[in-house]
Amino acid sequence: MCTVVWWNILRNDRRAFVQLRIKDLQNGRVTEIKDHTDSKWEVLDKEEKDLTHSYRDGIDEVFFTEDGDEVRCAIAAAEDALQWPSEAYKGFFVDGQLVAVFPPKHSVLTITDTSPPIRGAGSGSKEAVLENGMKVKVNLLCDVGDKVRIEAGYLSDPEGYDLKVMLEALRLSREILAQPAFAGYRGEELQPGAQVQDEAGLVEFIRRKFLK
């Protein structure tokens, strides 16, 4: 069972191809493939749920839903998200099975390595290493042992790169699903809906979906 992490449509004078980068949800392995646009793929039912991480049991990570139900997934399916401690995570379910866990929008971590605090140095930043091994920029007054809040900052970069990528992803997903290979699976578009075609409407949908 895999999820598509990147895709592109390649065209020449005679036909088009779909180039995909897929991630195995059991072992985390990423593979690139190239296929014809009329190739058939099985599309599975999916949903998202809020989860709380409980513990690791052998090769599984154990979570609980808001209703108190225990759910499990392979370590590889949750390892990226669990690098960022949080009270809640977003779980991705396919046919009722938890197959992936997404990182939280913010996390509080402890600084494990940085240069000594610089008093009276004014504004500025310095490098620091967090308890999960990630390197970030922190205030000059921060010291080892201090806790910092890391914000994912989705769609907030000054250059608007995140939003451009999401717009392109939305347009490409529509184009891919319009190919003959998906004719037997394609139904009515539920979100944002086929009536939303202008950029302003697509941007409003993306912001509402990702910042809710």
N, C-alpha and C. Protein backbone atom coordinates (compact mmCIF):
# COMPACT_ATOMS: atom_id res chain seq x y z
N MET A 1 0.84 -1.19 0.00
CA MET A 1 0.00 0.00 0.00
C MET A 1 0.89 1.25 0.00
N CYS A 2 0.63 2.14 -0.93
CA CYS A 2 1.49 3.31 -1.11
C CYS A 2 0.66 4.58 -1.18
N THR A 3 1.34 5.70 -0.94
CA THR A 3 0.74 7.00 -1.14
C THR A 3 1.61 7.80 -2.11
N VAL A 4 0.99 8.63 -2.92
CA VAL A 4 1.73 9.44 -3.88
C VAL A 4 2.26 10.68 -3.16
N VAL A 5 3.59 10.87 -3.20
CA VAL A 5 4.19 12.04 -2.54
C VAL A 5 4.60 13.11 -3.55
N TRP A 6 4.64 12.76 -4.83
CA TRP A 6 4.97 13.74 -5.88
C TRP A 6 4.54 13.15 -7.21
N TRP A 7 4.10 14.03 -8.13
CA TRP A 7 3.73 13.55 -9.45
C TRP A 7 3.96 14.64 -10.48
N ASN A 8 4.03 14.21 -11.72
CA ASN A 8 4.24 15.15 -12.82
C ASN A 8 3.72 14.49 -14.10
N ILE A 9 3.25 15.30 -15.02
CA ILE A 9 2.78 14.79 -16.31
C ILE A 9 3.78 15.18 -17.38
N LEU A 10 4.28 14.18 -18.10
CA LEU A 10 5.25 14.39 -19.18
C LEU A 10 4.54 14.21 -20.51
N ARG A 11 4.81 15.09 -21.45
CA ARG A 11 4.16 15.01 -22.76
C ARG A 11 5.20 15.04 -23.86
N ASN A 12 4.92 14.29 -24.92
CA ASN A 12 5.70 14.42 -26.15
C ASN A 12 4.71 14.64 -27.29
N ASP A 13 5.17 14.51 -28.49
CA ASP A 13 4.30 14.82 -29.64
C ASP A 13 3.15 13.82 -29.79
N ARG A 14 3.34 12.60 -29.28
CA ARG A 14 2.35 11.56 -29.54
C ARG A 14 1.48 11.20 -28.34
N ARG A 15 2.03 11.25 -27.12
CA ARG A 15 1.24 10.85 -25.97
C ARG A 15 1.80 11.45 -24.69
N ALA A 16 1.09 11.21 -23.58
CA ALA A 16 1.50 11.73 -22.27
C ALA A 16 1.82 10.58 -21.33
N PHE A 17 2.67 10.87 -20.36
CA PHE A 17 3.04 9.89 -19.33
C PHE A 17 2.87 10.54 -17.96
N VAL A 18 2.61 9.70 -16.97
CA VAL A 18 2.53 10.16 -15.59
C VAL A 18 3.79 9.68 -14.86
N GLN A 19 4.51 10.62 -14.28
CA GLN A 19 5.69 10.31 -13.49
C GLN A 19 5.31 10.45 -12.02
N LEU A 20 5.52 9.39 -11.24
CA LEU A 20 5.09 9.35 -9.85
C LEU A 20 6.24 9.03 -8.91
N ARG A 21 6.20 9.61 -7.73
CA ARG A 21 7.08 9.21 -6.63
C ARG A 21 6.16 8.72 -5.52
N ILE A 22 6.24 7.43 -5.21
CA ILE A 22 5.33 6.83 -4.24
C ILE A 22 6.09 6.33 -3.02
N LYS A 23 5.44 6.40 -1.85
CA LYS A 23 6.05 5.97 -0.59
C LYS A 23 5.30 4.77 -0.05
N ASP A 24 6.02 3.69 0.20
CA ASP A 24 5.45 2.50 0.81
C ASP A 24 5.10 2.83 2.27
N LEU A 25 3.85 2.68 2.64
CA LEU A 25 3.41 3.09 3.96
C LEU A 25 3.79 2.10 5.06
N GLN A 26 4.33 0.95 4.68
CA GLN A 26 4.76 -0.02 5.68
C GLN A 26 6.23 0.12 6.04
N ASN A 27 7.07 0.37 5.04
CA ASN A 27 8.52 0.45 5.33
C ASN A 27 9.12 1.82 5.04
N GLY A 28 8.33 2.77 4.51
CA GLY A 28 8.82 4.12 4.26
C GLY A 28 9.64 4.27 3.00
N ARG A 29 9.84 3.20 2.23
CA ARG A 29 10.67 3.27 1.03
C ARG A 29 9.99 4.09 -0.06
N VAL A 30 10.76 4.98 -0.70
CA VAL A 30 10.23 5.84 -1.77
C VAL A 30 10.74 5.33 -3.12
N THR A 31 9.82 5.19 -4.07
CA THR A 31 10.15 4.67 -5.40
C THR A 31 9.59 5.60 -6.46
N GLU A 32 10.34 5.78 -7.53
CA GLU A 32 9.87 6.58 -8.66
C GLU A 32 9.45 5.65 -9.80
N ILE A 33 8.31 5.92 -10.39
CA ILE A 33 7.83 5.14 -11.50
C ILE A 33 7.32 6.06 -12.60
N LYS A 34 7.27 5.53 -13.81
CA LYS A 34 6.74 6.27 -14.96
C LYS A 34 5.76 5.35 -15.66
N ASP A 35 4.57 5.83 -15.92
CA ASP A 35 3.54 4.98 -16.50
C ASP A 35 2.70 5.75 -17.50
N HIS A 36 1.94 5.01 -18.30
CA HIS A 36 1.05 5.63 -19.28
C HIS A 36 -0.16 6.23 -18.57
N THR A 37 -0.73 7.25 -19.14
CA THR A 37 -1.89 7.91 -18.51
C THR A 37 -3.12 7.02 -18.53
N ASP A 38 -3.13 5.96 -19.34
CA ASP A 38 -4.28 5.07 -19.36
C ASP A 38 -4.08 3.83 -18.49
N SER A 39 -2.98 3.79 -17.73
CA SER A 39 -2.77 2.68 -16.79
C SER A 39 -3.81 2.77 -15.67
N LYS A 40 -4.20 1.63 -15.11
CA LYS A 40 -5.24 1.60 -14.09
C LYS A 40 -4.63 1.36 -12.71
N TRP A 41 -5.13 2.13 -11.74
CA TRP A 41 -4.68 2.02 -10.35
C TRP A 41 -5.90 1.86 -9.46
N GLU A 42 -5.75 1.13 -8.37
CA GLU A 42 -6.84 0.98 -7.42
C GLU A 42 -6.82 2.15 -6.44
N VAL A 43 -7.89 2.90 -6.38
CA VAL A 43 -8.01 4.04 -5.48
C VAL A 43 -8.83 3.61 -4.26
N LEU A 44 -8.28 3.78 -3.06
CA LEU A 44 -8.92 3.30 -1.84
C LEU A 44 -9.64 4.42 -1.10
N ASP A 45 -10.67 4.05 -0.35
CA ASP A 45 -11.38 5.03 0.48
C ASP A 45 -10.46 5.51 1.60
N LYS A 46 -10.52 6.80 1.91
CA LYS A 46 -9.62 7.36 2.92
C LYS A 46 -10.35 8.36 3.80
N GLU A 47 -9.78 8.60 5.00
CA GLU A 47 -10.31 9.61 5.92
C GLU A 47 -9.20 10.00 6.89
N GLU A 48 -9.41 11.11 7.59
CA GLU A 48 -8.45 11.59 8.58
C GLU A 48 -9.11 11.66 9.95
N LYS A 49 -8.32 11.34 11.00
CA LYS A 49 -8.82 11.40 12.37
C LYS A 49 -7.73 11.98 13.28
N ASP A 50 -8.17 12.66 14.35
CA ASP A 50 -7.24 13.15 15.36
C ASP A 50 -6.82 11.98 16.25
N LEU A 51 -5.50 11.90 16.55
CA LEU A 51 -4.96 10.79 17.33
C LEU A 51 -4.06 11.29 18.45
N THR A 52 -3.94 10.47 19.49
CA THR A 52 -2.98 10.69 20.56
C THR A 52 -2.02 9.51 20.59
N HIS A 53 -0.72 9.81 20.60
CA HIS A 53 0.26 8.73 20.61
C HIS A 53 0.38 8.14 22.01
N SER A 54 0.44 6.82 22.11
CA SER A 54 0.52 6.16 23.40
C SER A 54 1.90 5.53 23.64
N TYR A 55 2.30 4.58 22.81
CA TYR A 55 3.58 3.90 23.02
C TYR A 55 3.97 3.10 21.78
N ARG A 56 5.21 2.61 21.78
CA ARG A 56 5.69 1.72 20.72
C ARG A 56 5.62 0.28 21.21
N ASP A 57 5.06 -0.57 20.38
CA ASP A 57 4.92 -1.99 20.71
C ASP A 57 5.55 -2.82 19.60
N GLY A 58 6.83 -3.21 19.80
CA GLY A 58 7.52 -3.99 18.77
C GLY A 58 7.72 -3.19 17.50
N ILE A 59 7.09 -3.62 16.41
CA ILE A 59 7.23 -2.94 15.13
C ILE A 59 6.09 -1.95 14.87
N ASP A 60 5.23 -1.73 15.87
CA ASP A 60 4.07 -0.86 15.71
C ASP A 60 4.16 0.37 16.60
N GLU A 61 3.58 1.47 16.13
CA GLU A 61 3.29 2.63 16.97
C GLU A 61 1.80 2.56 17.32
N VAL A 62 1.50 2.77 18.60
CA VAL A 62 0.12 2.64 19.08
C VAL A 62 -0.46 4.02 19.37
N PHE A 63 -1.63 4.29 18.82
CA PHE A 63 -2.34 5.55 19.01
C PHE A 63 -3.75 5.26 19.50
N PHE A 64 -4.40 6.32 20.00
CA PHE A 64 -5.81 6.23 20.37
C PHE A 64 -6.57 7.36 19.70
N THR A 65 -7.78 7.05 19.22
CA THR A 65 -8.64 8.05 18.61
C THR A 65 -9.34 8.84 19.71
N GLU A 66 -10.06 9.89 19.31
CA GLU A 66 -10.81 10.70 20.27
C GLU A 66 -11.91 9.89 20.96
N ASP A 67 -12.35 8.81 20.31
CA ASP A 67 -13.38 7.94 20.89
C ASP A 67 -12.79 6.86 21.80
N GLY A 68 -11.45 6.84 21.94
CA GLY A 68 -10.81 5.86 22.81
C GLY A 68 -10.46 4.56 22.13
N ASP A 69 -10.60 4.48 20.82
CA ASP A 69 -10.26 3.26 20.09
C ASP A 69 -8.75 3.18 19.85
N GLU A 70 -8.18 2.01 20.08
CA GLU A 70 -6.75 1.81 19.82
C GLU A 70 -6.52 1.52 18.34
N VAL A 71 -5.55 2.20 17.75
CA VAL A 71 -5.18 1.96 16.35
C VAL A 71 -3.67 1.86 16.27
N ARG A 72 -3.18 1.10 15.30
CA ARG A 72 -1.75 0.88 15.16
C ARG A 72 -1.31 1.12 13.72
N CYS A 73 -0.03 1.45 13.58
CA CYS A 73 0.56 1.55 12.24
C CYS A 73 2.03 1.16 12.35
N ALA A 74 2.65 0.90 11.21
CA ALA A 74 4.08 0.57 11.18
C ALA A 74 4.89 1.77 11.65
N ILE A 75 6.05 1.50 12.26
CA ILE A 75 6.91 2.57 12.76
C ILE A 75 7.23 3.58 11.66
N ALA A 76 7.53 3.07 10.45
CA ALA A 76 7.91 3.94 9.34
C ALA A 76 6.80 4.91 8.97
N ALA A 77 5.55 4.54 9.21
CA ALA A 77 4.42 5.39 8.83
C ALA A 77 4.24 6.58 9.77
N ALA A 78 4.89 6.53 10.95
CA ALA A 78 4.69 7.59 11.93
C ALA A 78 5.98 8.25 12.37
N GLU A 79 7.14 7.74 11.94
CA GLU A 79 8.41 8.21 12.50
C GLU A 79 8.69 9.68 12.23
N ASP A 80 8.33 10.18 11.06
CA ASP A 80 8.55 11.61 10.78
C ASP A 80 7.72 12.49 11.70
N ALA A 81 6.46 12.12 11.90
CA ALA A 81 5.57 12.93 12.74
C ALA A 81 6.01 12.89 14.21
N LEU A 82 6.45 11.73 14.67
CA LEU A 82 6.77 11.58 16.09
C LEU A 82 8.09 12.24 16.48
N GLN A 83 8.82 12.75 15.50
CA GLN A 83 9.99 13.57 15.84
C GLN A 83 9.57 14.88 16.50
N TRP A 84 8.30 15.23 16.34
CA TRP A 84 7.78 16.49 16.88
C TRP A 84 6.74 16.18 17.95
N PRO A 85 7.13 16.22 19.24
CA PRO A 85 6.20 15.89 20.33
C PRO A 85 4.95 16.76 20.30
N SER A 86 3.81 16.12 20.52
CA SER A 86 2.55 16.85 20.50
C SER A 86 1.49 16.03 21.22
N GLU A 87 0.47 16.72 21.73
CA GLU A 87 -0.65 16.02 22.36
C GLU A 87 -1.56 15.38 21.32
N ALA A 88 -1.53 15.88 20.09
CA ALA A 88 -2.43 15.35 19.06
C ALA A 88 -1.74 15.33 17.70
N TYR A 89 -2.05 14.30 16.93
CA TYR A 89 -1.56 14.15 15.57
C TYR A 89 -2.75 13.88 14.65
N LYS A 90 -2.52 14.04 13.37
CA LYS A 90 -3.55 13.75 12.39
C LYS A 90 -3.23 12.40 11.73
N GLY A 91 -4.17 11.45 11.86
CA GLY A 91 -3.98 10.12 11.29
C GLY A 91 -4.67 9.98 9.95
N PHE A 92 -4.03 9.28 9.02
CA PHE A 92 -4.56 9.07 7.68
C PHE A 92 -4.96 7.60 7.56
N PHE A 93 -6.26 7.37 7.36
CA PHE A 93 -6.80 6.00 7.32
C PHE A 93 -7.22 5.63 5.90
N VAL A 94 -6.93 4.41 5.51
CA VAL A 94 -7.36 3.86 4.22
C VAL A 94 -8.12 2.57 4.49
N ASP A 95 -9.37 2.54 4.05
CA ASP A 95 -10.23 1.38 4.30
C ASP A 95 -10.24 1.00 5.77
N GLY A 96 -10.26 2.00 6.65
CA GLY A 96 -10.34 1.77 8.07
C GLY A 96 -9.03 1.45 8.77
N GLN A 97 -7.93 1.38 8.02
CA GLN A 97 -6.63 1.05 8.59
C GLN A 97 -5.76 2.30 8.65
N LEU A 98 -5.10 2.53 9.80
CA LEU A 98 -4.18 3.66 9.94
C LEU A 98 -2.91 3.37 9.15
N VAL A 99 -2.62 4.22 8.16
CA VAL A 99 -1.48 3.97 7.29
C VAL A 99 -0.43 5.08 7.34
N ALA A 100 -0.76 6.25 7.89
CA ALA A 100 0.21 7.34 7.97
C ALA A 100 -0.22 8.32 9.06
N VAL A 101 0.78 8.97 9.66
CA VAL A 101 0.52 9.98 10.68
C VAL A 101 1.26 11.25 10.28
N PHE A 102 0.58 12.40 10.34
CA PHE A 102 1.16 13.66 9.91
C PHE A 102 1.70 14.45 11.09
N PRO A 103 2.76 15.24 10.88
CA PRO A 103 3.34 16.06 11.96
C PRO A 103 2.33 17.10 12.45
N PRO A 104 2.47 17.55 13.72
CA PRO A 104 1.58 18.58 14.25
C PRO A 104 1.92 19.95 13.69
N LYS A 105 1.03 20.91 13.89
CA LYS A 105 1.28 22.26 13.40
C LYS A 105 2.26 23.01 14.29
N HIS A 106 2.40 22.59 15.53
CA HIS A 106 3.41 23.19 16.41
C HIS A 106 3.87 22.16 17.43
N SER A 107 5.05 22.39 18.01
CA SER A 107 5.62 21.46 18.97
C SER A 107 6.57 22.21 19.89
N VAL A 108 6.66 21.78 21.15
CA VAL A 108 7.57 22.37 22.13
C VAL A 108 8.71 21.40 22.42
N LEU A 109 9.94 21.84 22.17
CA LEU A 109 11.10 20.98 22.35
C LEU A 109 12.18 21.70 23.16
N THR A 110 13.10 20.90 23.72
CA THR A 110 14.19 21.42 24.55
C THR A 110 15.46 21.58 23.72
N ILE A 111 16.17 22.68 23.94
CA ILE A 111 17.46 22.91 23.28
C ILE A 111 18.51 22.03 23.96
N THR A 112 19.25 21.25 23.19
CA THR A 112 20.29 20.38 23.75
C THR A 112 21.70 20.90 23.45
N ASP A 113 21.82 21.79 22.46
CA ASP A 113 23.15 22.32 22.14
C ASP A 113 23.00 23.67 21.45
N THR A 114 23.71 24.65 21.95
CA THR A 114 23.78 25.97 21.33
C THR A 114 24.90 26.75 22.00
N SER A 115 25.31 27.85 21.41
CA SER A 115 26.35 28.68 22.01
C SER A 115 25.78 29.41 23.23
N PRO A 116 26.64 29.87 24.16
CA PRO A 116 26.16 30.55 25.37
C PRO A 116 25.32 31.78 25.04
N PRO A 117 24.41 32.14 25.94
CA PRO A 117 23.58 33.33 25.72
C PRO A 117 24.44 34.58 25.58
N ILE A 118 23.99 35.49 24.72
CA ILE A 118 24.70 36.74 24.50
C ILE A 118 23.83 37.88 25.03
N ARG A 119 24.15 38.37 26.20
CA ARG A 119 23.36 39.43 26.82
C ARG A 119 23.68 40.78 26.17
N GLY A 120 22.65 41.58 25.98
CA GLY A 120 22.83 42.91 25.45
C GLY A 120 23.27 42.97 24.01
N ALA A 121 23.11 41.86 23.28
CA ALA A 121 23.54 41.83 21.88
C ALA A 121 22.47 42.36 20.94
N GLY A 122 21.31 42.70 21.48
CA GLY A 122 20.23 43.18 20.63
C GLY A 122 19.52 42.03 19.93
N SER A 123 18.80 42.35 18.87
CA SER A 123 18.07 41.32 18.14
C SER A 123 19.03 40.50 17.30
N GLY A 124 18.62 39.30 17.02
CA GLY A 124 19.45 38.42 16.22
C GLY A 124 19.13 36.98 16.55
N SER A 125 19.79 36.07 15.88
CA SER A 125 19.53 34.65 16.10
C SER A 125 20.82 33.85 16.00
N LYS A 126 20.77 32.62 16.46
CA LYS A 126 21.92 31.72 16.40
C LYS A 126 21.40 30.30 16.20
N GLU A 127 22.28 29.40 15.82
CA GLU A 127 21.88 28.02 15.59
C GLU A 127 21.74 27.27 16.91
N ALA A 128 20.81 26.32 16.93
CA ALA A 128 20.63 25.47 18.10
C ALA A 128 20.19 24.09 17.63
N VAL A 129 20.52 23.08 18.44
CA VAL A 129 20.09 21.71 18.17
C VAL A 129 19.02 21.34 19.19
N LEU A 130 17.92 20.79 18.71
CA LEU A 130 16.82 20.41 19.59
C LEU A 130 16.93 18.95 20.01
N GLU A 131 16.11 18.55 20.94
CA GLU A 131 16.16 17.19 21.48
C GLU A 131 15.89 16.11 20.44
N ASN A 132 15.23 16.48 19.35
CA ASN A 132 14.98 15.52 18.29
C ASN A 132 16.07 15.53 17.22
N GLY A 133 17.14 16.32 17.44
CA GLY A 133 18.26 16.36 16.50
C GLY A 133 18.14 17.41 15.42
N MET A 134 17.00 18.09 15.36
CA MET A 134 16.80 19.10 14.33
C MET A 134 17.57 20.38 14.68
N LYS A 135 18.09 21.05 13.62
CA LYS A 135 18.77 22.32 13.80
C LYS A 135 17.82 23.46 13.43
N VAL A 136 17.77 24.48 14.31
CA VAL A 136 16.89 25.62 14.08
C VAL A 136 17.63 26.90 14.47
N LYS A 137 17.02 28.03 14.17
CA LYS A 137 17.52 29.32 14.60
C LYS A 137 16.73 29.77 15.83
N VAL A 138 17.45 30.22 16.88
CA VAL A 138 16.78 30.68 18.10
C VAL A 138 17.31 32.05 18.49
N ASN A 139 16.63 32.68 19.44
CA ASN A 139 17.05 33.98 19.94
C ASN A 139 18.41 33.90 20.61
N LEU A 140 19.18 34.98 20.56
CA LEU A 140 20.52 35.01 21.13
C LEU A 140 20.54 34.77 22.64
N LEU A 141 19.41 34.99 23.31
CA LEU A 141 19.34 34.81 24.76
C LEU A 141 19.07 33.36 25.17
N CYS A 142 18.74 32.51 24.21
CA CYS A 142 18.41 31.12 24.53
C CYS A 142 19.65 30.35 24.97
N ASP A 143 19.42 29.34 25.84
CA ASP A 143 20.51 28.54 26.36
C ASP A 143 20.10 27.07 26.35
N VAL A 144 21.09 26.19 26.54
CA VAL A 144 20.82 24.76 26.64
C VAL A 144 19.84 24.52 27.78
N GLY A 145 18.82 23.70 27.53
CA GLY A 145 17.80 23.41 28.53
C GLY A 145 16.54 24.24 28.37
N ASP A 146 16.63 25.34 27.62
CA ASP A 146 15.44 26.15 27.37
C ASP A 146 14.49 25.40 26.44
N LYS A 147 13.21 25.66 26.60
CA LYS A 147 12.21 25.08 25.71
C LYS A 147 11.78 26.12 24.68
N VAL A 148 11.62 25.68 23.45
CA VAL A 148 11.19 26.58 22.37
C VAL A 148 9.97 25.97 21.68
N ARG A 149 9.10 26.83 21.23
CA ARG A 149 7.91 26.41 20.50
C ARG A 149 8.20 26.52 19.00
N ILE A 150 8.08 25.42 18.30
CA ILE A 150 8.32 25.38 16.86
C ILE A 150 6.99 25.40 16.13
N GLU A 151 6.79 26.40 15.31
CA GLU A 151 5.58 26.52 14.51
C GLU A 151 5.86 26.05 13.09
N ALA A 152 4.99 25.18 12.59
CA ALA A 152 5.18 24.70 11.22
C ALA A 152 5.09 25.84 10.21
N GLY A 153 4.25 26.82 10.50
CA GLY A 153 4.15 27.99 9.63
C GLY A 153 3.64 27.67 8.23
N TYR A 154 2.70 26.72 8.14
CA TYR A 154 2.16 26.35 6.83
C TYR A 154 1.60 27.57 6.10
N LEU A 155 1.96 27.73 4.85
CA LEU A 155 1.45 28.77 3.96
C LEU A 155 1.79 30.18 4.41
N SER A 156 2.83 30.33 5.25
CA SER A 156 3.15 31.66 5.76
C SER A 156 4.51 32.18 5.30
N ASP A 157 5.20 31.45 4.41
CA ASP A 157 6.50 31.92 3.96
C ASP A 157 6.34 33.18 3.12
N PRO A 158 7.23 34.17 3.27
CA PRO A 158 7.08 35.47 2.59
C PRO A 158 7.01 35.36 1.08
N GLU A 159 7.72 34.38 0.50
CA GLU A 159 7.74 34.26 -0.96
C GLU A 159 6.49 33.58 -1.51
N GLY A 160 5.68 33.01 -0.62
CA GLY A 160 4.47 32.33 -1.08
C GLY A 160 4.73 31.00 -1.76
N TYR A 161 5.91 30.39 -1.49
CA TYR A 161 6.27 29.14 -2.17
C TYR A 161 5.31 28.02 -1.78
N ASP A 162 4.98 27.90 -0.48
CA ASP A 162 4.07 26.83 -0.04
C ASP A 162 2.76 26.88 -0.81
N LEU A 163 2.22 28.08 -0.93
CA LEU A 163 0.92 28.22 -1.60
C LEU A 163 1.03 27.88 -3.08
N LYS A 164 2.13 28.29 -3.72
CA LYS A 164 2.33 27.97 -5.13
C LYS A 164 2.39 26.46 -5.35
N VAL A 165 3.10 25.76 -4.45
CA VAL A 165 3.22 24.31 -4.56
C VAL A 165 1.85 23.65 -4.40
N MET A 166 1.06 24.11 -3.41
CA MET A 166 -0.25 23.51 -3.17
C MET A 166 -1.21 23.79 -4.33
N LEU A 167 -1.14 24.98 -4.90
CA LEU A 167 -1.97 25.28 -6.06
C LEU A 167 -1.64 24.36 -7.24
N GLU A 168 -0.34 24.18 -7.48
CA GLU A 168 0.09 23.31 -8.57
C GLU A 168 -0.32 21.88 -8.30
N ALA A 169 -0.20 21.43 -7.03
CA ALA A 169 -0.59 20.08 -6.67
C ALA A 169 -2.09 19.86 -6.91
N LEU A 170 -2.89 20.85 -6.55
CA LEU A 170 -4.34 20.74 -6.75
C LEU A 170 -4.68 20.67 -8.23
N ARG A 171 -4.03 21.50 -9.02
CA ARG A 171 -4.30 21.50 -10.47
C ARG A 171 -3.84 20.19 -11.11
N LEU A 172 -2.67 19.69 -10.69
CA LEU A 172 -2.17 18.44 -11.25
C LEU A 172 -3.05 17.26 -10.85
N SER A 173 -3.53 17.27 -9.61
CA SER A 173 -4.40 16.17 -9.17
C SER A 173 -5.67 16.12 -10.01
N ARG A 174 -6.21 17.29 -10.32
CA ARG A 174 -7.39 17.33 -11.19
C ARG A 174 -7.06 16.79 -12.59
N GLU A 175 -5.89 17.19 -13.09
CA GLU A 175 -5.49 16.76 -14.43
C GLU A 175 -5.26 15.25 -14.48
N ILE A 176 -4.62 14.72 -13.44
CA ILE A 176 -4.35 13.28 -13.41
C ILE A 176 -5.66 12.50 -13.32
N LEU A 177 -6.56 12.92 -12.45
CA LEU A 177 -7.83 12.20 -12.29
C LEU A 177 -8.73 12.32 -13.51
N ALA A 178 -8.45 13.28 -14.37
CA ALA A 178 -9.23 13.43 -15.60
C ALA A 178 -8.76 12.48 -16.70
N GLN A 179 -7.66 11.75 -16.46
CA GLN A 179 -7.13 10.84 -17.47
C GLN A 179 -8.03 9.61 -17.62
N PRO A 180 -8.00 8.96 -18.79
CA PRO A 180 -8.87 7.79 -19.05
C PRO A 180 -8.71 6.67 -18.03
N ALA A 181 -7.52 6.51 -17.44
CA ALA A 181 -7.29 5.42 -16.50
C ALA A 181 -8.21 5.49 -15.29
N PHE A 182 -8.69 6.69 -14.95
CA PHE A 182 -9.53 6.85 -13.76
C PHE A 182 -11.01 6.96 -14.09
N ALA A 183 -11.37 6.69 -15.33
CA ALA A 183 -12.76 6.84 -15.75
C ALA A 183 -13.70 5.96 -14.93
N GLY A 184 -13.24 4.76 -14.57
CA GLY A 184 -14.08 3.84 -13.82
C GLY A 184 -14.20 4.16 -12.35
N TYR A 185 -13.36 5.07 -11.85
CA TYR A 185 -13.36 5.40 -10.42
C TYR A 185 -13.80 6.83 -10.14
N ARG A 186 -13.71 7.67 -11.16
CA ARG A 186 -13.93 9.09 -10.96
C ARG A 186 -15.41 9.40 -10.73
N GLY A 187 -15.69 10.08 -9.65
CA GLY A 187 -17.04 10.53 -9.37
C GLY A 187 -17.08 12.05 -9.34
N GLU A 188 -18.07 12.58 -8.67
CA GLU A 188 -18.18 14.03 -8.54
C GLU A 188 -17.10 14.55 -7.60
N GLU A 189 -16.46 15.65 -7.96
CA GLU A 189 -15.46 16.26 -7.09
C GLU A 189 -16.16 16.89 -5.90
N LEU A 190 -15.78 16.43 -4.69
CA LEU A 190 -16.43 16.91 -3.47
C LEU A 190 -15.80 18.18 -2.94
N GLN A 191 -14.46 18.26 -2.97
CA GLN A 191 -13.74 19.42 -2.46
C GLN A 191 -12.63 19.79 -3.41
N PRO A 192 -12.49 21.03 -3.81
CA PRO A 192 -13.37 22.16 -3.49
C PRO A 192 -14.65 22.20 -4.32
N GLY A 193 -14.76 21.28 -5.28
CA GLY A 193 -15.94 21.25 -6.15
C GLY A 193 -15.59 21.76 -7.53
N ALA A 194 -16.18 21.14 -8.55
CA ALA A 194 -15.86 21.49 -9.93
C ALA A 194 -16.18 22.94 -10.27
N GLN A 195 -17.08 23.54 -9.49
CA GLN A 195 -17.46 24.94 -9.77
C GLN A 195 -16.37 25.91 -9.37
N VAL A 196 -15.40 25.47 -8.56
CA VAL A 196 -14.30 26.36 -8.13
C VAL A 196 -13.14 26.20 -9.10
N GLN A 197 -12.96 27.17 -9.97
CA GLN A 197 -11.92 27.11 -10.99
C GLN A 197 -10.96 28.29 -10.93
N ASP A 198 -11.39 29.43 -10.39
CA ASP A 198 -10.53 30.60 -10.35
C ASP A 198 -9.51 30.47 -9.22
N GLU A 199 -8.38 31.15 -9.38
CA GLU A 199 -7.28 31.03 -8.41
C GLU A 199 -7.70 31.50 -7.02
N ALA A 200 -8.48 32.55 -6.93
CA ALA A 200 -8.90 33.06 -5.62
C ALA A 200 -9.70 32.00 -4.86
N GLY A 201 -10.58 31.31 -5.56
CA GLY A 201 -11.38 30.27 -4.92
C GLY A 201 -10.53 29.09 -4.48
N LEU A 202 -9.55 28.72 -5.30
CA LEU A 202 -8.66 27.60 -4.94
C LEU A 202 -7.79 27.97 -3.74
N VAL A 203 -7.30 29.20 -3.71
CA VAL A 203 -6.48 29.66 -2.58
C VAL A 203 -7.29 29.65 -1.30
N GLU A 204 -8.53 30.12 -1.37
CA GLU A 204 -9.39 30.13 -0.18
C GLU A 204 -9.62 28.72 0.33
N PHE A 205 -9.81 27.76 -0.57
CA PHE A 205 -10.00 26.35 -0.17
C PHE A 205 -8.74 25.80 0.50
N ILE A 206 -7.58 26.06 -0.09
CA ILE A 206 -6.32 25.55 0.46
C ILE A 206 -6.09 26.11 1.87
N ARG A 207 -6.29 27.40 2.04
CA ARG A 207 -6.08 28.00 3.37
C ARG A 207 -7.07 27.43 4.39
N ARG A 208 -8.30 27.26 4.00
CA ARG A 208 -9.30 26.72 4.93
C ARG A 208 -8.98 25.27 5.29
N LYS A 209 -8.50 24.52 4.32
CA LYS A 209 -8.22 23.10 4.55
C LYS A 209 -6.99 22.88 5.43
N PHE A 210 -5.94 23.66 5.19
CA PHE A 210 -4.69 23.42 5.88
C PHE A 210 -4.54 24.18 7.19
N LEU A 211 -5.32 25.23 7.36
CA LEU A 211 -5.17 26.02 8.58
C LEU A 211 -6.32 25.84 9.54
N LYS A 212 -7.17 24.88 9.28
CA LYS A 212 -8.32 24.69 10.18
C LYS A 212 -7.88 24.10 11.51
